[in-house]
PDB file of N, CA and C in Angstrom:
ATOM      1  N   UNK A   1     -35.349 -33.729  -8.084  1.00  0.00           N
ATOM      2  CA  UNK A   1     -34.149 -34.181  -8.649  1.00  0.00           C
ATOM      3  C   UNK A   1     -33.436 -34.859  -7.718  1.00  0.00           C
ATOM      4  N   UNK A   2     -32.719 -36.474  -8.103  1.00  0.00           N
ATOM      5  CA  UNK A   2     -31.931 -37.088  -7.162  1.00  0.00           C
ATOM      6  C   UNK A   2     -30.354 -36.514  -7.186  1.00  0.00           C
ATOM      7  N   UNK A   3     -29.757 -37.086  -5.987  1.00  0.00           N
ATOM      8  CA  UNK A   3     -28.318 -36.612  -5.789  1.00  0.00           C
ATOM      9  C   UNK A   3     -27.488 -36.764  -7.122  1.00  0.00           C
ATOM     10  N   UNK A   4     -27.516 -37.695  -8.054  1.00  0.00           N
ATOM     11  CA  UNK A   4     -26.430 -37.691  -9.166  1.00  0.00           C
ATOM     12  C   UNK A   4     -26.932 -36.769  -9.959  1.00  0.00           C
ATOM     13  N   UNK A   5     -28.189 -36.490 -10.118  1.00  0.00           N
ATOM     14  CA  UNK A   5     -28.720 -35.423 -11.273  1.00  0.00           C
ATOM     15  C   UNK A   5     -28.419 -34.277 -10.819  1.00  0.00           C
ATOM     16  N   UNK A   6     -28.352 -33.658  -9.588  1.00  0.00           N
ATOM     17  CA  UNK A   6     -27.878 -32.536  -9.117  1.00  0.00           C
ATOM     18  C   UNK A   6     -26.418 -32.365  -9.096  1.00  0.00           C
ATOM     19  N   UNK A   7     -25.746 -33.457  -9.041  1.00  0.00           N
ATOM     20  CA  UNK A   7     -24.294 -33.386  -9.057  1.00  0.00           C
ATOM     21  C   UNK A   7     -23.922 -33.199 -10.412  1.00  0.00           C
ATOM     22  N   UNK A   8     -24.773 -33.880 -11.436  1.00  0.00           N
ATOM     23  CA  UNK A   8     -24.102 -33.647 -12.902  1.00  0.00           C
ATOM     24  C   UNK A   8     -24.725 -32.073 -13.388  1.00  0.00           C
ATOM     25  N   UNK A   9     -25.950 -31.834 -13.398  1.00  0.00           N
ATOM     26  CA  UNK A   9     -26.456 -30.391 -13.268  1.00  0.00           C
ATOM     27  C   UNK A   9     -25.335 -29.412 -13.078  1.00  0.00           C
ATOM     28  N   UNK A  10     -24.758 -29.654 -11.804  1.00  0.00           N
ATOM     29  CA  UNK A  10     -23.634 -28.431 -11.187  1.00  0.00           C
ATOM     30  C   UNK A  10     -22.345 -28.528 -11.721  1.00  0.00           C
ATOM     31  N   UNK A  11     -21.910 -29.796 -12.403  1.00  0.00           N
ATOM     32  CA  UNK A  11     -20.853 -30.065 -13.074  1.00  0.00           C
ATOM     33  C   UNK A  11     -20.694 -29.369 -14.514  1.00  0.00           C
ATOM     34  N   UNK A  12     -22.216 -29.190 -15.206  1.00  0.00           N
ATOM     35  CA  UNK A  12     -22.289 -28.549 -16.441  1.00  0.00           C
ATOM     36  C   UNK A  12     -21.939 -26.995 -16.169  1.00  0.00           C
ATOM     37  N   UNK A  13     -21.650 -26.505 -15.138  1.00  0.00           N
ATOM     38  CA  UNK A  13     -21.964 -25.071 -14.785  1.00  0.00           C
ATOM     39  C   UNK A  13     -20.107 -24.551 -15.055  1.00  0.00           C
ATOM     40  N   UNK A  14     -19.351 -25.739 -14.740  1.00  0.00           N
ATOM     41  CA  UNK A  14     -17.912 -25.859 -14.739  1.00  0.00           C
ATOM     42  C   UNK A  14     -17.237 -25.361 -16.211  1.00  0.00           C
ATOM     43  N   UNK A  15     -16.707 -24.276 -16.951  1.00  0.00           N
ATOM     44  CA  UNK A  15     -16.775 -23.914 -18.188  1.00  0.00           C
ATOM     45  C   UNK A  15     -15.119 -24.463 -18.432  1.00  0.00           C
ATOM     46  N   UNK A  16     -15.149 -24.464 -19.923  1.00  0.00           N
ATOM     47  CA  UNK A  16     -14.014 -24.801 -20.432  1.00  0.00           C
ATOM     48  C   UNK A  16     -12.628 -24.054 -19.863  1.00  0.00           C
ATOM     49  N   UNK A  17     -11.875 -24.909 -19.513  1.00  0.00           N
ATOM     50  CA  UNK A  17     -10.626 -23.970 -19.274  1.00  0.00           C
ATOM     51  C   UNK A  17     -10.543 -23.892 -17.933  1.00  0.00           C
ATOM     52  N   UNK A  18     -11.423 -24.336 -17.170  1.00  0.00           N
ATOM     53  CA  UNK A  18     -11.642 -24.186 -15.706  1.00  0.00           C
ATOM     54  C   UNK A  18     -11.657 -25.710 -15.148  1.00  0.00           C
ATOM     55  N   UNK A  19     -11.233 -26.099 -13.715  1.00  0.00           N
ATOM     56  CA  UNK A  19     -11.669 -27.331 -12.824  1.00  0.00           C
ATOM     57  C   UNK A  19     -12.498 -26.972 -11.657  1.00  0.00           C
ATOM     58  N   UNK A  20     -13.089 -27.928 -11.380  1.00  0.00           N
ATOM     59  CA  UNK A  20     -13.130 -28.107  -9.927  1.00  0.00           C
ATOM     60  C   UNK A  20     -12.720 -29.060  -8.870  1.00  0.00           C
ATOM     61  N   UNK A  21     -13.144 -29.162  -7.984  1.00  0.00           N
ATOM     62  CA  UNK A  21     -12.476 -30.270  -6.857  1.00  0.00           C
ATOM     63  C   UNK A  21     -14.049 -31.164  -6.588  1.00  0.00           C
ATOM     64  N   UNK A  22     -13.482 -32.720  -6.136  1.00  0.00           N
ATOM     65  CA  UNK A  22     -14.811 -33.312  -5.796  1.00  0.00           C
ATOM     66  C   UNK A  22     -15.090 -32.712  -4.856  1.00  0.00           C
ATOM     67  N   UNK A  23     -14.558 -32.175  -3.693  1.00  0.00           N
ATOM     68  CA  UNK A  23     -15.029 -31.432  -2.619  1.00  0.00           C
ATOM     69  C   UNK A  23     -15.907 -30.358  -2.762  1.00  0.00           C
ATOM     70  N   UNK A  24     -15.655 -29.375  -3.620  1.00  0.00           N
ATOM     71  CA  UNK A  24     -16.414 -28.017  -3.830  1.00  0.00           C
ATOM     72  C   UNK A  24     -17.780 -28.695  -4.895  1.00  0.00           C
ATOM     73  N   UNK A  25     -17.584 -29.707  -5.730  1.00  0.00           N
ATOM     74  CA  UNK A  25     -18.736 -30.209  -6.049  1.00  0.00           C
ATOM     75  C   UNK A  25     -19.651 -30.698  -5.263  1.00  0.00           C
ATOM     76  N   UNK A  26     -19.207 -31.515  -4.169  1.00  0.00           N
ATOM     77  CA  UNK A  26     -20.220 -31.998  -3.086  1.00  0.00           C
ATOM     78  C   UNK A  26     -20.840 -30.955  -2.498  1.00  0.00           C
ATOM     79  N   UNK A  27     -19.904 -30.100  -1.908  1.00  0.00           N
ATOM     80  CA  UNK A  27     -20.376 -28.935  -1.107  1.00  0.00           C
ATOM     81  C   UNK A  27     -21.529 -27.949  -1.932  1.00  0.00           C
ATOM     82  N   UNK A  28     -21.310 -28.029  -3.273  1.00  0.00           N
ATOM     83  CA  UNK A  28     -22.570 -27.238  -4.321  1.00  0.00           C
ATOM     84  C   UNK A  28     -23.764 -28.203  -3.852  1.00  0.00           C
ATOM     85  N   UNK A  29     -23.778 -29.209  -3.821  1.00  0.00           N
ATOM     86  CA  UNK A  29     -25.116 -29.805  -3.650  1.00  0.00           C
ATOM     87  C   UNK A  29     -25.598 -29.962  -2.110  1.00  0.00           C
ATOM     88  N   UNK A  30     -24.787 -29.534  -1.052  1.00  0.00           N
ATOM     89  CA  UNK A  30     -25.073 -29.835   0.143  1.00  0.00           C
ATOM     90  C   UNK A  30     -24.710 -30.840   1.000  1.00  0.00           C
ATOM     91  N   UNK A  31     -23.566 -31.584   0.269  1.00  0.00           N
ATOM     92  CA  UNK A  31     -23.103 -32.852   0.900  1.00  0.00           C
ATOM     93  C   UNK A  31     -21.956 -32.868   1.346  1.00  0.00           C
ATOM     94  N   UNK A  32     -21.272 -33.809   1.771  1.00  0.00           N
ATOM     95  CA  UNK A  32     -19.802 -34.055   2.353  1.00  0.00           C
ATOM     96  C   UNK A  32     -19.486 -35.267   1.935  1.00  0.00           C
ATOM     97  N   UNK A  33     -20.197 -36.247   1.048  1.00  0.00           N
ATOM     98  CA  UNK A  33     -19.974 -37.074   0.464  1.00  0.00           C
ATOM     99  C   UNK A  33     -19.083 -37.317  -1.055  1.00  0.00           C
ATOM    100  N   UNK A  34     -17.798 -36.634  -0.289  1.00  0.00           N
ATOM    101  CA  UNK A  34     -16.785 -36.479  -1.602  1.00  0.00           C
ATOM    102  C   UNK A  34     -16.193 -37.668  -2.338  1.00  0.00           C
ATOM    103  N   UNK A  35     -16.357 -38.693  -1.659  1.00  0.00           N
ATOM    104  CA  UNK A  35     -16.026 -40.216  -2.234  1.00  0.00           C
ATOM    105  C   UNK A  35     -17.178 -40.937  -3.191  1.00  0.00           C
ATOM    106  N   UNK A  36     -18.408 -40.105  -2.979  1.00  0.00           N
ATOM    107  CA  UNK A  36     -19.154 -40.464  -3.733  1.00  0.00           C
ATOM    108  C   UNK A  36     -19.599 -39.503  -4.895  1.00  0.00           C
ATOM    109  N   UNK A  37     -18.907 -38.401  -4.982  1.00  0.00           N
ATOM    110  CA  UNK A  37     -18.565 -37.702  -6.313  1.00  0.00           C
ATOM    111  C   UNK A  37     -17.958 -38.414  -7.136  1.00  0.00           C
ATOM    112  N   UNK A  38     -16.676 -38.982  -6.654  1.00  0.00           N
ATOM    113  CA  UNK A  38     -15.635 -39.798  -7.311  1.00  0.00           C
ATOM    114  C   UNK A  38     -16.504 -40.687  -8.225  1.00  0.00           C
ATOM    115  N   UNK A  39     -17.200 -41.468  -7.336  1.00  0.00           N
ATOM    116  CA  UNK A  39     -18.047 -42.662  -7.644  1.00  0.00           C
ATOM    117  C   UNK A  39     -19.109 -42.264  -8.982  1.00  0.00           C
ATOM    118  N   UNK A  40     -19.709 -41.390  -9.067  1.00  0.00           N
ATOM    119  CA  UNK A  40     -20.398 -40.863  -9.973  1.00  0.00           C
ATOM    120  C   UNK A  40     -19.812 -40.011 -11.055  1.00  0.00           C
ATOM    121  N   UNK A  41     -18.332 -39.684 -11.105  1.00  0.00           N
ATOM    122  CA  UNK A  41     -17.698 -39.277 -12.111  1.00  0.00           C
ATOM    123  C   UNK A  41     -17.229 -40.520 -13.105  1.00  0.00           C
ATOM    124  N   UNK A  42     -16.749 -41.704 -12.579  1.00  0.00           N
ATOM    125  CA  UNK A  42     -16.337 -42.729 -12.755  1.00  0.00           C
ATOM    126  C   UNK A  42     -17.802 -43.255 -13.762  1.00  0.00           C
ATOM    127  N   UNK A  43     -18.997 -43.269 -13.008  1.00  0.00           N
ATOM    128  CA  UNK A  43     -20.158 -44.334 -14.220  1.00  0.00           C
ATOM    129  C   UNK A  43     -20.790 -42.816 -14.880  1.00  0.00           C
ATOM    130  N   UNK A  44     -20.743 -41.538 -14.756  1.00  0.00           N
ATOM    131  CA  UNK A  44     -21.079 -40.611 -15.953  1.00  0.00           C
ATOM    132  C   UNK A  44     -21.561 -41.011 -17.140  1.00  0.00           C
ATOM    133  N   UNK A  45     -22.877 -40.819 -17.140  1.00  0.00           N
ATOM    134  CA  UNK A  45     -23.793 -41.598 -18.713  1.00  0.00           C
ATOM    135  C   UNK A  45     -23.906 -40.493 -19.703  1.00  0.00           C
ATOM    136  N   UNK A  46     -23.666 -39.181 -18.709  1.00  0.00           N
ATOM    137  CA  UNK A  46     -23.765 -38.115 -19.703  1.00  0.00           C
ATOM    138  C   UNK A  46     -22.162 -37.531 -20.481  1.00  0.00           C
ATOM    139  N   UNK A  47     -21.152 -38.116 -20.430  1.00  0.00           N
ATOM    140  CA  UNK A  47     -20.170 -37.591 -20.729  1.00  0.00           C
ATOM    141  C   UNK A  47     -19.584 -37.525 -22.398  1.00  0.00           C
ATOM    142  N   UNK A  48     -19.323 -36.664 -22.706  1.00  0.00           N
ATOM    143  CA  UNK A  48     -18.308 -35.356 -22.511  1.00  0.00           C
ATOM    144  C   UNK A  48     -19.328 -34.014 -21.983  1.00  0.00           C
ATOM    145  N   UNK A  49     -20.756 -34.479 -22.138  1.00  0.00           N
ATOM    146  CA  UNK A  49     -21.794 -33.265 -22.003  1.00  0.00           C
ATOM    147  C   UNK A  49     -21.664 -32.799 -20.726  1.00  0.00           C
ATOM    148  N   UNK A  50     -21.533 -33.736 -19.881  1.00  0.00           N
ATOM    149  CA  UNK A  50     -21.362 -33.519 -18.343  1.00  0.00           C
ATOM    150  C   UNK A  50     -19.808 -33.635 -18.361  1.00  0.00           C
ATOM    151  N   UNK A  51     -18.867 -32.559 -18.118  1.00  0.00           N
ATOM    152  CA  UNK A  51     -17.377 -32.591 -18.341  1.00  0.00           C
ATOM    153  C   UNK A  51     -16.819 -33.292 -16.641  1.00  0.00           C
ATOM    154  N   UNK A  52     -16.863 -34.543 -16.655  1.00  0.00           N
ATOM    155  CA  UNK A  52     -16.166 -35.284 -15.242  1.00  0.00           C
ATOM    156  C   UNK A  52     -14.680 -34.782 -15.506  1.00  0.00           C
ATOM    157  N   UNK A  53     -14.369 -34.476 -16.661  1.00  0.00           N
ATOM    158  CA  UNK A  53     -12.747 -34.509 -16.614  1.00  0.00           C
ATOM    159  C   UNK A  53     -12.193 -33.272 -15.970  1.00  0.00           C
ATOM    160  N   UNK A  54     -13.095 -32.310 -15.644  1.00  0.00           N
ATOM    161  CA  UNK A  54     -12.786 -31.087 -15.083  1.00  0.00           C
ATOM    162  C   UNK A  54     -12.636 -31.053 -13.578  1.00  0.00           C
ATOM    163  N   UNK A  55     -13.054 -32.643 -13.417  1.00  0.00           N
ATOM    164  CA  UNK A  55     -12.935 -32.607 -11.693  1.00  0.00           C
ATOM    165  C   UNK A  55     -11.870 -33.326 -10.956  1.00  0.00           C
ATOM    166  N   UNK A  56     -10.972 -32.584 -10.307  1.00  0.00           N
ATOM    167  CA  UNK A  56      -9.758 -32.887  -9.593  1.00  0.00           C
ATOM    168  C   UNK A  56      -9.788 -33.147  -8.292  1.00  0.00           C
ATOM    169  N   UNK A  57      -8.468 -33.272  -7.755  1.00  0.00           N
ATOM    170  CA  UNK A  57      -8.282 -33.406  -6.017  1.00  0.00           C
ATOM    171  C   UNK A  57      -8.300 -31.820  -5.669  1.00  0.00           C
ATOM    172  N   UNK A  58      -8.421 -31.958  -4.372  1.00  0.00           N
ATOM    173  CA  UNK A  58      -8.227 -30.465  -3.912  1.00  0.00           C
ATOM    174  C   UNK A  58      -7.034 -29.820  -3.683  1.00  0.00           C
ATOM    175  N   UNK A  59      -5.860 -30.867  -4.071  1.00  0.00           N
ATOM    176  CA  UNK A  59      -4.646 -30.361  -3.767  1.00  0.00           C
ATOM    177  C   UNK A  59      -4.286 -30.262  -5.453  1.00  0.00           C
ATOM    178  N   UNK A  60      -5.133 -29.940  -6.293  1.00  0.00           N
ATOM    179  CA  UNK A  60      -4.621 -30.057  -8.150  1.00  0.00           C
ATOM    180  C   UNK A  60      -4.417 -31.250  -8.582  1.00  0.00           C
ATOM    181  N   UNK A  61      -3.946 -32.534  -7.800  1.00  0.00           N
ATOM    182  CA  UNK A  61      -3.922 -33.531  -8.400  1.00  0.00           C
ATOM    183  C   UNK A  61      -4.900 -33.919  -9.324  1.00  0.00           C
ATOM    184  N   UNK A  62      -4.614 -34.857 -10.422  1.00  0.00           N
ATOM    185  CA  UNK A  62      -5.429 -35.193 -11.570  1.00  0.00           C
ATOM    186  C   UNK A  62      -6.228 -36.100 -11.157  1.00  0.00           C
ATOM    187  N   UNK A  63      -6.580 -37.015 -10.105  1.00  0.00           N
ATOM    188  CA  UNK A  63      -7.429 -37.529  -9.845  1.00  0.00           C
ATOM    189  C   UNK A  63      -7.382 -39.085 -10.674  1.00  0.00           C
ATOM    190  N   UNK A  64      -8.731 -39.818 -10.763  1.00  0.00           N
ATOM    191  CA  UNK A  64      -8.745 -40.876 -11.477  1.00  0.00           C
ATOM    192  C   UNK A  64      -9.880 -40.298 -12.845  1.00  0.00           C
ATOM    193  N   UNK A  65      -9.735 -41.702 -13.713  1.00  0.00           N
ATOM    194  CA  UNK A  65     -10.629 -41.004 -14.823  1.00  0.00           C
ATOM    195  C   UNK A  65     -11.072 -42.468 -15.376  1.00  0.00           C
ATOM    196  N   UNK A  66     -12.252 -42.661 -15.936  1.00  0.00           N
ATOM    197  CA  UNK A  66     -12.725 -43.664 -16.272  1.00  0.00           C
ATOM    198  C   UNK A  66     -12.076 -44.376 -17.638  1.00  0.00           C
ATOM    199  N   UNK A  67     -11.268 -43.734 -18.498  1.00  0.00           N
ATOM    200  CA  UNK A  67     -10.788 -44.438 -19.465  1.00  0.00           C
ATOM    201  C   UNK A  67      -9.229 -43.864 -19.441  1.00  0.00           C
ATOM    202  N   UNK A  68      -9.010 -43.442 -18.516  1.00  0.00           N
ATOM    203  CA  UNK A  68      -7.346 -43.305 -18.019  1.00  0.00           C
ATOM    204  C   UNK A  68      -7.059 -41.897 -17.752  1.00  0.00           C
ATOM    205  N   UNK A  69      -5.769 -41.809 -17.018  1.00  0.00           N
ATOM    206  CA  UNK A  69      -5.570 -40.642 -16.816  1.00  0.00           C
ATOM    207  C   UNK A  69      -4.982 -39.741 -18.001  1.00  0.00           C
ATOM    208  N   UNK A  70      -4.256 -40.561 -18.933  1.00  0.00           N
ATOM    209  CA  UNK A  70      -3.691 -40.037 -19.870  1.00  0.00           C
ATOM    210  C   UNK A  70      -5.032 -38.962 -20.705  1.00  0.00           C
ATOM    211  N   UNK A  71      -6.091 -40.048 -21.046  1.00  0.00           N
ATOM    212  CA  UNK A  71      -7.191 -39.306 -21.403  1.00  0.00           C
ATOM    213  C   UNK A  71      -7.632 -38.043 -20.891  1.00  0.00           C
ATOM    214  N   UNK A  72      -7.576 -38.099 -19.489  1.00  0.00           N
ATOM    215  CA  UNK A  72      -7.936 -36.996 -18.727  1.00  0.00           C
ATOM    216  C   UNK A  72      -7.187 -35.728 -19.083  1.00  0.00           C
ATOM    217  N   UNK A  73      -5.816 -35.935 -18.954  1.00  0.00           N
ATOM    218  CA  UNK A  73      -4.901 -35.003 -19.183  1.00  0.00           C
ATOM    219  C   UNK A  73      -4.981 -34.405 -20.562  1.00  0.00           C
ATOM    220  N   UNK A  74      -5.164 -35.215 -21.470  1.00  0.00           N
ATOM    221  CA  UNK A  74      -5.356 -34.933 -22.967  1.00  0.00           C
ATOM    222  C   UNK A  74      -6.778 -33.730 -23.214  1.00  0.00           C
ATOM    223  N   UNK A  75      -7.747 -34.211 -22.526  1.00  0.00           N
ATOM    224  CA  UNK A  75      -8.816 -33.293 -22.458  1.00  0.00           C
ATOM    225  C   UNK A  75      -8.784 -31.915 -21.836  1.00  0.00           C
ATOM    226  N   UNK A  76      -7.992 -32.124 -20.602  1.00  0.00           N
ATOM    227  CA  UNK A  76      -7.968 -30.631 -19.980  1.00  0.00           C
ATOM    228  C   UNK A  76      -7.151 -29.803 -20.672  1.00  0.00           C
ATOM    229  N   UNK A  77      -6.000 -30.265 -21.665  1.00  0.00           N
ATOM    230  CA  UNK A  77      -5.054 -29.929 -22.225  1.00  0.00           C
ATOM    231  C   UNK A  77      -5.667 -29.167 -23.278  1.00  0.00           C
ATOM    232  N   UNK A  78      -6.601 -30.094 -24.056  1.00  0.00           N
ATOM    233  CA  UNK A  78      -7.378 -29.502 -25.362  1.00  0.00           C
ATOM    234  C   UNK A  78      -7.915 -28.230 -24.699  1.00  0.00           C
ATOM    235  N   UNK A  79      -8.676 -28.242 -23.788  1.00  0.00           N
ATOM    236  CA  UNK A  79      -9.334 -26.898 -23.207  1.00  0.00           C
ATOM    237  C   UNK A  79      -8.614 -25.886 -22.552  1.00  0.00           C
ATOM    238  N   UNK A  80      -7.237 -26.146 -22.722  1.00  0.00           N
ATOM    239  CA  UNK A  80      -6.665 -25.081 -22.115  1.00  0.00           C
ATOM    240  C   UNK A  80      -6.093 -25.142 -20.584  1.00  0.00           C
ATOM    241  N   UNK A  81      -5.699 -26.272 -20.193  1.00  0.00           N
ATOM    242  CA  UNK A  81      -5.621 -26.335 -18.861  1.00  0.00           C
ATOM    243  C   UNK A  81      -4.200 -27.196 -18.919  1.00  0.00           C
ATOM    244  N   UNK A  82      -3.296 -26.769 -18.188  1.00  0.00           N
ATOM    245  CA  UNK A  82      -2.072 -27.263 -18.326  1.00  0.00           C
ATOM    246  C   UNK A  82      -1.885 -28.428 -16.972  1.00  0.00           C
ATOM    247  N   UNK A  83      -1.185 -29.440 -17.492  1.00  0.00           N
ATOM    248  CA  UNK A  83      -0.670 -30.351 -16.533  1.00  0.00           C
ATOM    249  C   UNK A  83       0.304 -30.503 -16.454  1.00  0.00           C
ATOM    250  N   UNK A  84       1.260 -30.688 -15.304  1.00  0.00           N
ATOM    251  CA  UNK A  84       2.863 -30.634 -15.169  1.00  0.00           C
ATOM    252  C   UNK A  84       2.970 -31.734 -13.758  1.00  0.00           C
ATOM    253  N   UNK A  85       3.305 -32.778 -13.987  1.00  0.00           N
ATOM    254  CA  UNK A  85       3.730 -33.591 -12.843  1.00  0.00           C
ATOM    255  C   UNK A  85       2.463 -34.319 -12.348  1.00  0.00           C
ATOM    256  N   UNK A  86       1.413 -34.457 -12.737  1.00  0.00           N
ATOM    257  CA  UNK A  86       0.141 -35.009 -12.250  1.00  0.00           C
ATOM    258  C   UNK A  86      -0.561 -33.902 -11.985  1.00  0.00           C
ATOM    259  N   UNK A  87      -0.282 -32.448 -11.735  1.00  0.00           N
ATOM    260  CA  UNK A  87      -1.015 -31.563 -11.326  1.00  0.00           C
ATOM    261  C   UNK A  87      -1.055 -30.377 -11.931  1.00  0.00           C
ATOM    262  N   UNK A  88      -2.415 -29.741 -11.665  1.00  0.00           N
ATOM    263  CA  UNK A  88      -3.025 -28.791 -12.680  1.00  0.00           C
ATOM    264  C   UNK A  88      -1.772 -27.274 -12.307  1.00  0.00           C
ATOM    265  N   UNK A  89      -1.557 -26.532 -13.449  1.00  0.00           N
ATOM    266  CA  UNK A  89      -0.531 -25.681 -13.898  1.00  0.00           C
ATOM    267  C   UNK A  89      -1.584 -24.337 -13.170  1.00  0.00           C
ATOM    268  N   UNK A  90      -1.072 -23.538 -12.263  1.00  0.00           N
ATOM    269  CA  UNK A  90      -1.847 -22.694 -11.949  1.00  0.00           C
ATOM    270  C   UNK A  90      -3.195 -22.893 -11.289  1.00  0.00           C
ATOM    271  N   UNK A  91      -3.280 -24.033 -10.685  1.00  0.00           N
ATOM    272  CA  UNK A  91      -4.300 -24.334 -10.155  1.00  0.00           C
ATOM    273  C   UNK A  91      -5.093 -23.532  -9.441  1.00  0.00           C
ATOM    274  N   UNK A  92      -4.867 -22.525  -8.590  1.00  0.00           N
ATOM    275  CA  UNK A  92      -5.592 -21.484  -8.146  1.00  0.00           C
ATOM    276  C   UNK A  92      -6.420 -20.527  -9.181  1.00  0.00           C
ATOM    277  N   UNK A  93      -5.701 -20.428 -10.034  1.00  0.00           N
ATOM    278  CA  UNK A  93      -6.100 -19.575 -10.924  1.00  0.00           C
ATOM    279  C   UNK A  93      -7.534 -20.315 -11.876  1.00  0.00           C
ATOM    280  N   UNK A  94      -7.154 -21.856 -12.318  1.00  0.00           N
ATOM    281  CA  UNK A  94      -7.803 -22.622 -13.147  1.00  0.00           C
ATOM    282  C   UNK A  94      -9.290 -22.998 -12.193  1.00  0.00           C
ATOM    283  N   UNK A  95      -8.994 -22.620 -10.734  1.00  0.00           N
ATOM    284  CA  UNK A  95     -10.259 -23.434  -9.932  1.00  0.00           C
ATOM    285  C   UNK A  95     -11.522 -22.618  -9.890  1.00  0.00           C
ATOM    286  N   UNK A  96     -12.777 -23.536 -10.580  1.00  0.00           N
ATOM    287  CA  UNK A  96     -13.946 -23.100 -10.573  1.00  0.00           C
ATOM    288  C   UNK A  96     -14.861 -22.885  -9.049  1.00  0.00           C
ATOM    289  N   UNK A  97     -15.241 -21.793  -8.625  1.00  0.00           N
ATOM    290  CA  UNK A  97     -15.654 -22.272  -7.382  1.00  0.00           C
ATOM    291  C   UNK A  97     -17.672 -21.778  -7.502  1.00  0.00           C
ATOM    292  N   UNK A  98     -18.146 -22.859  -7.115  1.00  0.00           N
ATOM    293  CA  UNK A  98     -19.537 -22.812  -7.355  1.00  0.00           C
ATOM    294  C   UNK A  98     -20.081 -21.420  -6.574  1.00  0.00           C
ATOM    295  N   UNK A  99     -21.114 -20.799  -6.921  1.00  0.00           N
ATOM    296  CA  UNK A  99     -21.696 -19.663  -6.175  1.00  0.00           C
ATOM    297  C   UNK A  99     -23.091 -19.895  -5.432  1.00  0.00           C
TER     298      UNK A  99
END
């Protein structure tokens, strides 16, 4: 399995109502290529099956989204993840950590 497939496979484990970070996702596949994760999210050919909208910055900020930040916020809110002033509400409670 190549790097991108590993990343997409891991990301599928993040449940609705939770988010993870670019850094945690990279670390879950044994990498420190956090920026590469962002690039993979932008190019995600499996959306929405692979939920790239659930990947945010380590400080709880929304980060980018291929179809626009407002769409990312809309998807997150639909799943019960609040966003206020560009950040995830209750970030620590909403954060999914890979095992």
